[in-house]
Amino acid sequence: MASIYYDKLVRDRIPQIIRDGGKSCQTRILDEEEYVKLLEKKLSEELSEYLEDKNPEELADLLEVMMALAEAKGWGWEEIEKLRREKKENRGGFSQRILLQSVTKED
């Protein structure tokens, strides 16, 4: 029987889904440092997938990884959301679609 090697972070239910499909898999639990490193790698992968596919499912995956990364870093999603709201209040959002083309220093 041939094995395919992944060495990648997967969602919690993936091993069971694999077993339910009649296959077996080897897994291990990551330590905190490895977990954060692989979440950051996963963040990049999910962003690349969104940029390629441009669909809401990829955005949902990106958000899930962002939430897990915030939790792993001890920040809590509520804290991230609070920072997002504060930044939006102070600097605005992106809804007006403004493209900054240049800034000229006045003498």
PDB file of N, CA and C in Angstrom:
ATOM      1  N   MET A   1       0.836  -1.177   0.000  1.00  0.00           N
ATOM      2  CA  MET A   1       0.000   0.000   0.000  1.00  0.00           C
ATOM      3  C   MET A   1       0.884   1.244   0.000  1.00  0.00           C
ATOM      4  N   ALA A   2       0.616   2.176  -0.894  1.00  0.00           N
ATOM      5  CA  ALA A   2       1.412   3.394  -1.031  1.00  0.00           C
ATOM      6  C   ALA A   2       0.925   4.473  -0.074  1.00  0.00           C
ATOM      7  N   SER A   3       1.868   5.193   0.497  1.00  0.00           N
ATOM      8  CA  SER A   3       1.541   6.307   1.380  1.00  0.00           C
ATOM      9  C   SER A   3       1.884   7.615   0.704  1.00  0.00           C
ATOM     10  N   ILE A   4       1.104   8.639   1.001  1.00  0.00           N
ATOM     11  CA  ILE A   4       1.383   9.994   0.550  1.00  0.00           C
ATOM     12  C   ILE A   4       1.736  10.788   1.797  1.00  0.00           C
ATOM     13  N   TYR A   5       2.848  11.499   1.769  1.00  0.00           N
ATOM     14  CA  TYR A   5       3.313  12.255   2.927  1.00  0.00           C
ATOM     15  C   TYR A   5       2.960  13.730   2.766  1.00  0.00           C
ATOM     16  N   TYR A   6       2.387  14.300   3.794  1.00  0.00           N
ATOM     17  CA  TYR A   6       1.926  15.687   3.756  1.00  0.00           C
ATOM     18  C   TYR A   6       2.698  16.605   4.691  1.00  0.00           C
ATOM     19  N   ASP A   7       2.878  16.216   5.946  1.00  0.00           N
ATOM     20  CA  ASP A   7       3.494  17.080   6.959  1.00  0.00           C
ATOM     21  C   ASP A   7       2.892  18.488   6.928  1.00  0.00           C
ATOM     22  N   LYS A   8       1.573  18.563   7.061  1.00  0.00           N
ATOM     23  CA  LYS A   8       0.907  19.853   7.058  1.00  0.00           C
ATOM     24  C   LYS A   8      -0.165  19.888   8.130  1.00  0.00           C
ATOM     25  N   LEU A   9      -0.440  21.067   8.605  1.00  0.00           N
ATOM     26  CA  LEU A   9      -1.484  21.290   9.584  1.00  0.00           C
ATOM     27  C   LEU A   9      -2.842  21.100   8.913  1.00  0.00           C
ATOM     28  N   VAL A  10      -3.700  20.320   9.555  1.00  0.00           N
ATOM     29  CA  VAL A  10      -5.042  20.087   9.007  1.00  0.00           C
ATOM     30  C   VAL A  10      -6.091  20.392  10.063  1.00  0.00           C
ATOM     31  N   ARG A  11      -7.314  20.568   9.607  1.00  0.00           N
ATOM     32  CA  ARG A  11      -8.433  20.799  10.511  1.00  0.00           C
ATOM     33  C   ARG A  11      -8.634  19.586  11.413  1.00  0.00           C
ATOM     34  N   ASP A  12      -9.234  19.815  12.577  1.00  0.00           N
ATOM     35  CA  ASP A  12      -9.353  18.802  13.629  1.00  0.00           C
ATOM     36  C   ASP A  12     -10.065  17.517  13.192  1.00  0.00           C
ATOM     37  N   ARG A  13     -11.034  17.608  12.317  1.00  0.00           N
ATOM     38  CA  ARG A  13     -11.808  16.426  11.953  1.00  0.00           C
ATOM     39  C   ARG A  13     -11.247  15.665  10.750  1.00  0.00           C
ATOM     40  N   ILE A  14     -10.201  16.167  10.124  1.00  0.00           N
ATOM     41  CA  ILE A  14      -9.651  15.522   8.926  1.00  0.00           C
ATOM     42  C   ILE A  14      -9.206  14.080   9.183  1.00  0.00           C
ATOM     43  N   PRO A  15      -8.490  13.772  10.274  1.00  0.00           N
ATOM     44  CA  PRO A  15      -8.113  12.364  10.487  1.00  0.00           C
ATOM     45  C   PRO A  15      -9.328  11.423  10.539  1.00  0.00           C
ATOM     46  N   GLN A  16     -10.401  11.843  11.202  1.00  0.00           N
ATOM     47  CA  GLN A  16     -11.598  11.005  11.272  1.00  0.00           C
ATOM     48  C   GLN A  16     -12.254  10.860   9.903  1.00  0.00           C
ATOM     49  N   ILE A  17     -12.272  11.933   9.146  1.00  0.00           N
ATOM     50  CA  ILE A  17     -12.829  11.881   7.784  1.00  0.00           C
ATOM     51  C   ILE A  17     -12.028  10.901   6.931  1.00  0.00           C
ATOM     52  N   ILE A  18     -10.720  10.893   7.088  1.00  0.00           N
ATOM     53  CA  ILE A  18      -9.856   9.952   6.360  1.00  0.00           C
ATOM     54  C   ILE A  18     -10.190   8.518   6.764  1.00  0.00           C
ATOM     55  N   ARG A  19     -10.289   8.285   8.070  1.00  0.00           N
ATOM     56  CA  ARG A  19     -10.621   6.935   8.557  1.00  0.00           C
ATOM     57  C   ARG A  19     -12.013   6.500   8.101  1.00  0.00           C
ATOM     58  N   ASP A  20     -12.962   7.420   8.131  1.00  0.00           N
ATOM     59  CA  ASP A  20     -14.322   7.108   7.673  1.00  0.00           C
ATOM     60  C   ASP A  20     -14.339   6.739   6.193  1.00  0.00           C
ATOM     61  N   GLY A  21     -13.349   7.228   5.457  1.00  0.00           N
ATOM     62  CA  GLY A  21     -13.220   6.912   4.040  1.00  0.00           C
ATOM     63  C   GLY A  21     -12.483   5.605   3.777  1.00  0.00           C
ATOM     64  N   GLY A  22     -12.186   4.855   4.844  1.00  0.00           N
ATOM     65  CA  GLY A  22     -11.551   3.552   4.690  1.00  0.00           C
ATOM     66  C   GLY A  22     -10.043   3.584   4.578  1.00  0.00           C
ATOM     67  N   LYS A  23      -9.435   4.710   4.895  1.00  0.00           N
ATOM     68  CA  LYS A  23      -7.979   4.828   4.839  1.00  0.00           C
ATOM     69  C   LYS A  23      -7.450   4.983   6.257  1.00  0.00           C
ATOM     70  N   SER A  24      -6.160   4.872   6.404  1.00  0.00           N
ATOM     71  CA  SER A  24      -5.535   5.130   7.694  1.00  0.00           C
ATOM     72  C   SER A  24      -4.581   6.308   7.543  1.00  0.00           C
ATOM     73  N   CYS A  25      -4.249   6.913   8.661  1.00  0.00           N
ATOM     74  CA  CYS A  25      -3.325   8.052   8.616  1.00  0.00           C
ATOM     75  C   CYS A  25      -2.513   8.101   9.892  1.00  0.00           C
ATOM     76  N   GLN A  26      -1.345   8.680   9.802  1.00  0.00           N
ATOM     77  CA  GLN A  26      -0.470   8.905  10.946  1.00  0.00           C
ATOM     78  C   GLN A  26      -0.531  10.391  11.275  1.00  0.00           C
ATOM     79  N   THR A  27      -0.694  10.701  12.550  1.00  0.00           N
ATOM     80  CA  THR A  27      -0.737  12.088  12.990  1.00  0.00           C
ATOM     81  C   THR A  27       0.102  12.236  14.251  1.00  0.00           C
ATOM     82  N   ARG A  28       0.370  13.461  14.635  1.00  0.00           N
ATOM     83  CA  ARG A  28       0.965  13.759  15.926  1.00  0.00           C
ATOM     84  C   ARG A  28       0.499  15.144  16.341  1.00  0.00           C
ATOM     85  N   ILE A  29       0.540  15.405  17.626  1.00  0.00           N
ATOM     86  CA  ILE A  29       0.137  16.703  18.154  1.00  0.00           C
ATOM     87  C   ILE A  29       1.365  17.609  18.193  1.00  0.00           C
ATOM     88  N   LEU A  30       1.218  18.801  17.648  1.00  0.00           N
ATOM     89  CA  LEU A  30       2.318  19.763  17.572  1.00  0.00           C
ATOM     90  C   LEU A  30       2.543  20.444  18.915  1.00  0.00           C
ATOM     91  N   ASP A  31       3.791  20.807  19.189  1.00  0.00           N
ATOM     92  CA  ASP A  31       4.029  21.664  20.351  1.00  0.00           C
ATOM     93  C   ASP A  31       3.655  23.099  19.956  1.00  0.00           C
ATOM     94  N   GLU A  32       3.627  23.987  20.924  1.00  0.00           N
ATOM     95  CA  GLU A  32       3.146  25.353  20.691  1.00  0.00           C
ATOM     96  C   GLU A  32       3.944  26.083  19.612  1.00  0.00           C
ATOM     97  N   GLU A  33       5.262  25.947  19.647  1.00  0.00           N
ATOM     98  CA  GLU A  33       6.118  26.637  18.666  1.00  0.00           C
ATOM     99  C   GLU A  33       5.858  26.131  17.248  1.00  0.00           C
ATOM    100  N   GLU A  34       5.785  24.811  17.096  1.00  0.00           N
ATOM    101  CA  GLU A  34       5.502  24.231  15.775  1.00  0.00           C
ATOM    102  C   GLU A  34       4.116  24.648  15.286  1.00  0.00           C
ATOM    103  N   TYR A  35       3.157  24.647  16.205  1.00  0.00           N
ATOM    104  CA  TYR A  35       1.787  24.995  15.873  1.00  0.00           C
ATOM    105  C   TYR A  35       1.694  26.411  15.306  1.00  0.00           C
ATOM    106  N   VAL A  36       2.308  27.375  15.981  1.00  0.00           N
ATOM    107  CA  VAL A  36       2.289  28.757  15.502  1.00  0.00           C
ATOM    108  C   VAL A  36       2.988  28.858  14.144  1.00  0.00           C
ATOM    109  N   LYS A  37       4.127  28.205  14.013  1.00  0.00           N
ATOM    110  CA  LYS A  37       4.871  28.241  12.744  1.00  0.00           C
ATOM    111  C   LYS A  37       4.019  27.682  11.601  1.00  0.00           C
ATOM    112  N   LEU A  38       3.349  26.553  11.848  1.00  0.00           N
ATOM    113  CA  LEU A  38       2.541  25.946  10.792  1.00  0.00           C
ATOM    114  C   LEU A  38       1.238  26.709  10.548  1.00  0.00           C
ATOM    115  N   LEU A  39       0.704  27.373  11.569  1.00  0.00           N
ATOM    116  CA  LEU A  39      -0.448  28.252  11.336  1.00  0.00           C
ATOM    117  C   LEU A  39      -0.059  29.411  10.428  1.00  0.00           C
ATOM    118  N   GLU A  40       1.121  29.973  10.655  1.00  0.00           N
ATOM    119  CA  GLU A  40       1.591  31.065   9.804  1.00  0.00           C
ATOM    120  C   GLU A  40       1.799  30.592   8.372  1.00  0.00           C
ATOM    121  N   LYS A  41       2.324  29.383   8.213  1.00  0.00           N
ATOM    122  CA  LYS A  41       2.486  28.810   6.874  1.00  0.00           C
ATOM    123  C   LYS A  41       1.112  28.586   6.235  1.00  0.00           C
ATOM    124  N   LYS A  42       0.163  28.080   7.028  1.00  0.00           N
ATOM    125  CA  LYS A  42      -1.189  27.821   6.545  1.00  0.00           C
ATOM    126  C   LYS A  42      -1.864  29.126   6.132  1.00  0.00           C
ATOM    127  N   LEU A  43      -1.617  30.194   6.867  1.00  0.00           N
ATOM    128  CA  LEU A  43      -2.167  31.504   6.542  1.00  0.00           C
ATOM    129  C   LEU A  43      -1.736  31.936   5.146  1.00  0.00           C
ATOM    130  N   SER A  44      -0.464  31.745   4.864  1.00  0.00           N
ATOM    131  CA  SER A  44       0.065  32.077   3.545  1.00  0.00           C
ATOM    132  C   SER A  44      -0.562  31.197   2.457  1.00  0.00           C
ATOM    133  N   GLU A  45      -0.691  29.899   2.747  1.00  0.00           N
ATOM    134  CA  GLU A  45      -1.307  28.968   1.784  1.00  0.00           C
ATOM    135  C   GLU A  45      -2.750  29.354   1.493  1.00  0.00           C
ATOM    136  N   GLU A  46      -3.504  29.658   2.545  1.00  0.00           N
ATOM    137  CA  GLU A  46      -4.914  30.011   2.362  1.00  0.00           C
ATOM    138  C   GLU A  46      -5.064  31.321   1.600  1.00  0.00           C
ATOM    139  N   LEU A  47      -4.186  32.277   1.863  1.00  0.00           N
ATOM    140  CA  LEU A  47      -4.222  33.533   1.109  1.00  0.00           C
ATOM    141  C   LEU A  47      -3.941  33.275  -0.360  1.00  0.00           C
ATOM    142  N   SER A  48      -2.950  32.454  -0.658  1.00  0.00           N
ATOM    143  CA  SER A  48      -2.627  32.112  -2.047  1.00  0.00           C
ATOM    144  C   SER A  48      -3.815  31.426  -2.727  1.00  0.00           C
ATOM    145  N   GLU A  49      -4.479  30.529  -2.003  1.00  0.00           N
ATOM    146  CA  GLU A  49      -5.639  29.847  -2.575  1.00  0.00           C
ATOM    147  C   GLU A  49      -6.771  30.829  -2.857  1.00  0.00           C
ATOM    148  N   TYR A  50      -6.980  31.788  -1.945  1.00  0.00           N
ATOM    149  CA  TYR A  50      -8.009  32.794  -2.199  1.00  0.00           C
ATOM    150  C   TYR A  50      -7.649  33.634  -3.427  1.00  0.00           C
ATOM    151  N   LEU A  51      -6.414  34.083  -3.505  1.00  0.00           N
ATOM    152  CA  LEU A  51      -6.003  34.921  -4.624  1.00  0.00           C
ATOM    153  C   LEU A  51      -6.126  34.189  -5.949  1.00  0.00           C
ATOM    154  N   GLU A  52      -5.965  32.874  -5.932  1.00  0.00           N
ATOM    155  CA  GLU A  52      -6.106  32.079  -7.142  1.00  0.00           C
ATOM    156  C   GLU A  52      -7.581  31.827  -7.485  1.00  0.00           C
ATOM    157  N   ASP A  53      -8.370  31.421  -6.485  1.00  0.00           N
ATOM    158  CA  ASP A  53      -9.749  31.004  -6.737  1.00  0.00           C
ATOM    159  C   ASP A  53     -10.782  32.112  -6.585  1.00  0.00           C
ATOM    160  N   LYS A  54     -10.489  33.088  -5.750  1.00  0.00           N
ATOM    161  CA  LYS A  54     -11.384  34.226  -5.507  1.00  0.00           C
ATOM    162  C   LYS A  54     -12.801  33.793  -5.115  1.00  0.00           C
ATOM    163  N   ASN A  55     -12.905  32.868  -4.169  1.00  0.00           N
ATOM    164  CA  ASN A  55     -14.240  32.462  -3.739  1.00  0.00           C
ATOM    165  C   ASN A  55     -14.386  32.601  -2.226  1.00  0.00           C
ATOM    166  N   PRO A  56     -15.620  32.712  -1.739  1.00  0.00           N
ATOM    167  CA  PRO A  56     -15.844  32.942  -0.310  1.00  0.00           C
ATOM    168  C   PRO A  56     -15.394  31.790   0.577  1.00  0.00           C
ATOM    169  N   GLU A  57     -15.363  30.579   0.066  1.00  0.00           N
ATOM    170  CA  GLU A  57     -14.899  29.451   0.878  1.00  0.00           C
ATOM    171  C   GLU A  57     -13.439  29.640   1.281  1.00  0.00           C
ATOM    172  N   GLU A  58     -12.633  30.151   0.374  1.00  0.00           N
ATOM    173  CA  GLU A  58     -11.222  30.397   0.686  1.00  0.00           C
ATOM    174  C   GLU A  58     -11.085  31.537   1.697  1.00  0.00           C
ATOM    175  N   LEU A  59     -11.954  32.544   1.608  1.00  0.00           N
ATOM    176  CA  LEU A  59     -11.936  33.605   2.611  1.00  0.00           C
ATOM    177  C   LEU A  59     -12.312  33.047   3.979  1.00  0.00           C
ATOM    178  N   ALA A  60     -13.277  32.133   4.016  1.00  0.00           N
ATOM    179  CA  ALA A  60     -13.674  31.496   5.275  1.00  0.00           C
ATOM    180  C   ALA A  60     -12.505  30.703   5.861  1.00  0.00           C
ATOM    181  N   ASP A  61     -11.768  29.989   5.013  1.00  0.00           N
ATOM    182  CA  ASP A  61     -10.589  29.243   5.476  1.00  0.00           C
ATOM    183  C   ASP A  61      -9.540  30.203   6.037  1.00  0.00           C
ATOM    184  N   LEU A  62      -9.337  31.301   5.355  1.00  0.00           N
ATOM    185  CA  LEU A  62      -8.376  32.305   5.795  1.00  0.00           C
ATOM    186  C   LEU A  62      -8.769  32.855   7.171  1.00  0.00           C
ATOM    187  N   LEU A  63     -10.042  33.139   7.347  1.00  0.00           N
ATOM    188  CA  LEU A  63     -10.527  33.647   8.624  1.00  0.00           C
ATOM    189  C   LEU A  63     -10.351  32.612   9.740  1.00  0.00           C
ATOM    190  N   GLU A  64     -10.622  31.349   9.446  1.00  0.00           N
ATOM    191  CA  GLU A  64     -10.460  30.282  10.448  1.00  0.00           C
ATOM    192  C   GLU A  64      -9.007  30.191  10.913  1.00  0.00           C
ATOM    193  N   VAL A  65      -8.074  30.282   9.978  1.00  0.00           N
ATOM    194  CA  VAL A  65      -6.652  30.224  10.340  1.00  0.00           C
ATOM    195  C   VAL A  65      -6.263  31.462  11.140  1.00  0.00           C
ATOM    196  N   MET A  66      -6.778  32.619  10.754  1.00  0.00           N
ATOM    197  CA  MET A  66      -6.483  33.849  11.491  1.00  0.00           C
ATOM    198  C   MET A  66      -6.988  33.757  12.929  1.00  0.00           C
ATOM    199  N   MET A  67      -8.172  33.203  13.113  1.00  0.00           N
ATOM    200  CA  MET A  67      -8.731  33.058  14.448  1.00  0.00           C
ATOM    201  C   MET A  67      -7.896  32.089  15.294  1.00  0.00           C
ATOM    202  N   ALA A  68      -7.479  30.986  14.691  1.00  0.00           N
ATOM    203  CA  ALA A  68      -6.652  30.014  15.407  1.00  0.00           C
ATOM    204  C   ALA A  68      -5.297  30.609  15.768  1.00  0.00           C
ATOM    205  N   LEU A  69      -4.725  31.390  14.869  1.00  0.00           N
ATOM    206  CA  LEU A  69      -3.427  32.011  15.121  1.00  0.00           C
ATOM    207  C   LEU A  69      -3.530  33.033  16.254  1.00  0.00           C
ATOM    208  N   ALA A  70      -4.571  33.834  16.255  1.00  0.00           N
ATOM    209  CA  ALA A  70      -4.774  34.805  17.336  1.00  0.00           C
ATOM    210  C   ALA A  70      -4.876  34.083  18.678  1.00  0.00           C
ATOM    211  N   GLU A  71      -5.649  33.011  18.707  1.00  0.00           N
ATOM    212  CA  GLU A  71      -5.808  32.242  19.945  1.00  0.00           C
ATOM    213  C   GLU A  71      -4.480  31.625  20.387  1.00  0.00           C
ATOM    214  N   ALA A  72      -3.732  31.075  19.439  1.00  0.00           N
ATOM    215  CA  ALA A  72      -2.442  30.450  19.757  1.00  0.00           C
ATOM    216  C   ALA A  72      -1.443  31.467  20.307  1.00  0.00           C
ATOM    217  N   LYS A  73      -1.543  32.695  19.854  1.00  0.00           N
ATOM    218  CA  LYS A  73      -0.644  33.747  20.327  1.00  0.00           C
ATOM    219  C   LYS A  73      -1.144  34.368  21.626  1.00  0.00           C
ATOM    220  N   GLY A  74      -2.319  33.905  22.094  1.00  0.00           N
ATOM    221  CA  GLY A  74      -2.858  34.402  23.348  1.00  0.00           C
ATOM    222  C   GLY A  74      -3.574  35.732  23.232  1.00  0.00           C
ATOM    223  N   TRP A  75      -3.948  36.129  22.033  1.00  0.00           N
ATOM    224  CA  TRP A  75      -4.583  37.424  21.831  1.00  0.00           C
ATOM    225  C   TRP A  75      -6.096  37.376  21.980  1.00  0.00           C
ATOM    226  N   GLY A  76      -6.708  36.296  21.598  1.00  0.00           N
ATOM    227  CA  GLY A  76      -8.160  36.218  21.650  1.00  0.00           C
ATOM    228  C   GLY A  76      -8.783  36.977  20.482  1.00  0.00           C
ATOM    229  N   TRP A  77      -9.785  36.374  19.882  1.00  0.00           N
ATOM    230  CA  TRP A  77     -10.396  36.988  18.702  1.00  0.00           C
ATOM    231  C   TRP A  77     -11.096  38.291  19.067  1.00  0.00           C
ATOM    232  N   GLU A  78     -11.641  38.373  20.274  1.00  0.00           N
ATOM    233  CA  GLU A  78     -12.319  39.600  20.693  1.00  0.00           C
ATOM    234  C   GLU A  78     -11.340  40.780  20.690  1.00  0.00           C
ATOM    235  N   GLU A  79     -10.106  40.521  21.124  1.00  0.00           N
ATOM    236  CA  GLU A  79      -9.087  41.571  21.137  1.00  0.00           C
ATOM    237  C   GLU A  79      -8.752  42.013  19.710  1.00  0.00           C
ATOM    238  N   ILE A  80      -8.620  41.056  18.819  1.00  0.00           N
ATOM    239  CA  ILE A  80      -8.334  41.379  17.409  1.00  0.00           C
ATOM    240  C   ILE A  80      -9.474  42.199  16.819  1.00  0.00           C
ATOM    241  N   GLU A  81     -10.699  41.777  17.096  1.00  0.00           N
ATOM    242  CA  GLU A  81     -11.872  42.499  16.581  1.00  0.00           C
ATOM    243  C   GLU A  81     -11.936  43.910  17.154  1.00  0.00           C
ATOM    244  N   LYS A  82     -11.608  44.066  18.437  1.00  0.00           N
ATOM    245  CA  LYS A  82     -11.586  45.396  19.050  1.00  0.00           C
ATOM    246  C   LYS A  82     -10.560  46.290  18.357  1.00  0.00           C
ATOM    247  N   LEU A  83      -9.376  45.752  18.092  1.00  0.00           N
ATOM    248  CA  LEU A  83      -8.333  46.520  17.388  1.00  0.00           C
ATOM    249  C   LEU A  83      -8.785  46.887  15.978  1.00  0.00           C
ATOM    250  N   ARG A  84      -9.463  45.952  15.309  1.00  0.00           N
ATOM    251  CA  ARG A  84      -9.966  46.226  13.967  1.00  0.00           C
ATOM    252  C   ARG A  84     -10.969  47.376  13.997  1.00  0.00           C
ATOM    253  N   ARG A  85     -11.909  47.321  14.946  1.00  0.00           N
ATOM    254  CA  ARG A  85     -12.925  48.378  15.047  1.00  0.00           C
ATOM    255  C   ARG A  85     -12.288  49.730  15.363  1.00  0.00           C
ATOM    256  N   GLU A  86     -11.329  49.750  16.292  1.00  0.00           N
ATOM    257  CA  GLU A  86     -10.650  51.000  16.644  1.00  0.00           C
ATOM    258  C   GLU A  86      -9.919  51.583  15.443  1.00  0.00           C
ATOM    259  N   LYS A  87      -9.234  50.727  14.718  1.00  0.00           N
ATOM    260  CA  LYS A  87      -8.497  51.197  13.548  1.00  0.00           C
ATOM    261  C   LYS A  87      -9.458  51.729  12.486  1.00  0.00           C
ATOM    262  N   LYS A  88     -10.581  51.052  12.314  1.00  0.00           N
ATOM    263  CA  LYS A  88     -11.575  51.509  11.348  1.00  0.00           C
ATOM    264  C   LYS A  88     -12.146  52.857  11.760  1.00  0.00           C
ATOM    265  N   GLU A  89     -12.410  53.007  13.057  1.00  0.00           N
ATOM    266  CA  GLU A  89     -12.950  54.275  13.550  1.00  0.00           C
ATOM    267  C   GLU A  89     -11.952  55.414  13.362  1.00  0.00           C
ATOM    268  N   ASN A  90     -10.680  55.156  13.640  1.00  0.00           N
ATOM    269  CA  ASN A  90      -9.652  56.203  13.561  1.00  0.00           C
ATOM    270  C   ASN A  90      -9.143  56.467  12.151  1.00  0.00           C
ATOM    271  N   ARG A  91      -9.046  55.441  11.338  1.00  0.00           N
ATOM    272  CA  ARG A  91      -8.434  55.594  10.012  1.00  0.00           C
ATOM    273  C   ARG A  91      -9.375  55.260   8.869  1.00  0.00           C
ATOM    274  N   GLY A  92     -10.551  54.727   9.209  1.00  0.00           N
ATOM    275  CA  GLY A  92     -11.535  54.373   8.187  1.00  0.00           C
ATOM    276  C   GLY A  92     -11.373  52.932   7.745  1.00  0.00           C
ATOM    277  N   GLY A  93     -12.329  52.515   6.934  1.00  0.00           N
ATOM    278  CA  GLY A  93     -12.287  51.174   6.363  1.00  0.00           C
ATOM    279  C   GLY A  93     -11.826  51.259   4.916  1.00  0.00           C
ATOM    280  N   PHE A  94     -12.395  50.422   4.083  1.00  0.00           N
ATOM    281  CA  PHE A  94     -12.012  50.406   2.671  1.00  0.00           C
ATOM    282  C   PHE A  94     -13.221  50.541   1.751  1.00  0.00           C
ATOM    283  N   SER A  95     -14.390  50.845   2.316  1.00  0.00           N
ATOM    284  CA  SER A  95     -15.629  50.848   1.534  1.00  0.00           C
ATOM    285  C   SER A  95     -15.690  51.931   0.469  1.00  0.00           C
ATOM    286  N   GLN A  96     -14.932  53.007   0.629  1.00  0.00           N
ATOM    287  CA  GLN A  96     -14.967  54.087  -0.363  1.00  0.00           C
ATOM    288  C   GLN A  96     -14.043  53.838  -1.559  1.00  0.00           C
ATOM    289  N   ARG A  97     -13.295  52.754  -1.505  1.00  0.00           N
ATOM    290  CA  ARG A  97     -12.436  52.325  -2.628  1.00  0.00           C
ATOM    291  C   ARG A  97     -11.432  53.399  -3.067  1.00  0.00           C
ATOM    292  N   ILE A  98     -10.812  54.075  -2.124  1.00  0.00           N
ATOM    293  CA  ILE A  98      -9.881  55.164  -2.411  1.00  0.00           C
ATOM    294  C   ILE A  98      -8.511  54.610  -2.785  1.00  0.00           C
ATOM    295  N   LEU A  99      -7.987  55.064  -3.919  1.00  0.00           N
ATOM    296  CA  LEU A  99      -6.633  54.730  -4.350  1.00  0.00           C
ATOM    297  C   LEU A  99      -5.766  55.965  -4.136  1.00  0.00           C
ATOM    298  N   LEU A 100      -4.793  55.876  -3.245  1.00  0.00           N
ATOM    299  CA  LEU A 100      -3.858  56.987  -3.032  1.00  0.00           C
ATOM    300  C   LEU A 100      -2.820  56.931  -4.140  1.00  0.00           C
ATOM    301  N   GLN A 101      -2.779  57.962  -4.958  1.00  0.00           N
ATOM    302  CA  GLN A 101      -1.853  57.964  -6.087  1.00  0.00           C
ATOM    303  C   GLN A 101      -0.541  58.652  -5.768  1.00  0.00           C
ATOM    304  N   SER A 102      -0.586  59.735  -5.014  1.00  0.00           N
ATOM    305  CA  SER A 102       0.658  60.396  -4.674  1.00  0.00           C
ATOM    306  C   SER A 102       0.424  61.353  -3.500  1.00  0.00           C
ATOM    307  N   VAL A 103       1.527  61.742  -2.874  1.00  0.00           N
ATOM    308  CA  VAL A 103       1.498  62.750  -1.805  1.00  0.00           C
ATOM    309  C   VAL A 103       2.609  63.723  -2.117  1.00  0.00           C
ATOM    310  N   THR A 104       2.298  65.030  -2.043  1.00  0.00           N
ATOM    311  CA  THR A 104       3.294  66.055  -2.317  1.00  0.00           C
ATOM    312  C   THR A 104       3.569  66.830  -1.043  1.00  0.00           C
ATOM    313  N   LYS A 105       4.822  66.943  -0.714  1.00  0.00           N
ATOM    314  CA  LYS A 105       5.221  67.714   0.463  1.00  0.00           C
ATOM    315  C   LYS A 105       5.160  69.189   0.131  1.00  0.00           C
ATOM    316  N   GLU A 106       4.414  69.927   0.930  1.00  0.00           N
ATOM    317  CA  GLU A 106       4.316  71.363   0.698  1.00  0.00           C
ATOM    318  C   GLU A 106       5.513  72.067   1.327  1.00  0.00           C
ATOM    319  N   ASP A 107       6.060  73.055   0.620  1.00  0.00           N
ATOM    320  CA  ASP A 107       7.219  73.793   1.118  1.00  0.00           C
ATOM    321  C   ASP A 107       6.851  74.863   2.101  1.00  0.00           C
TER     322      ASP A 107
END
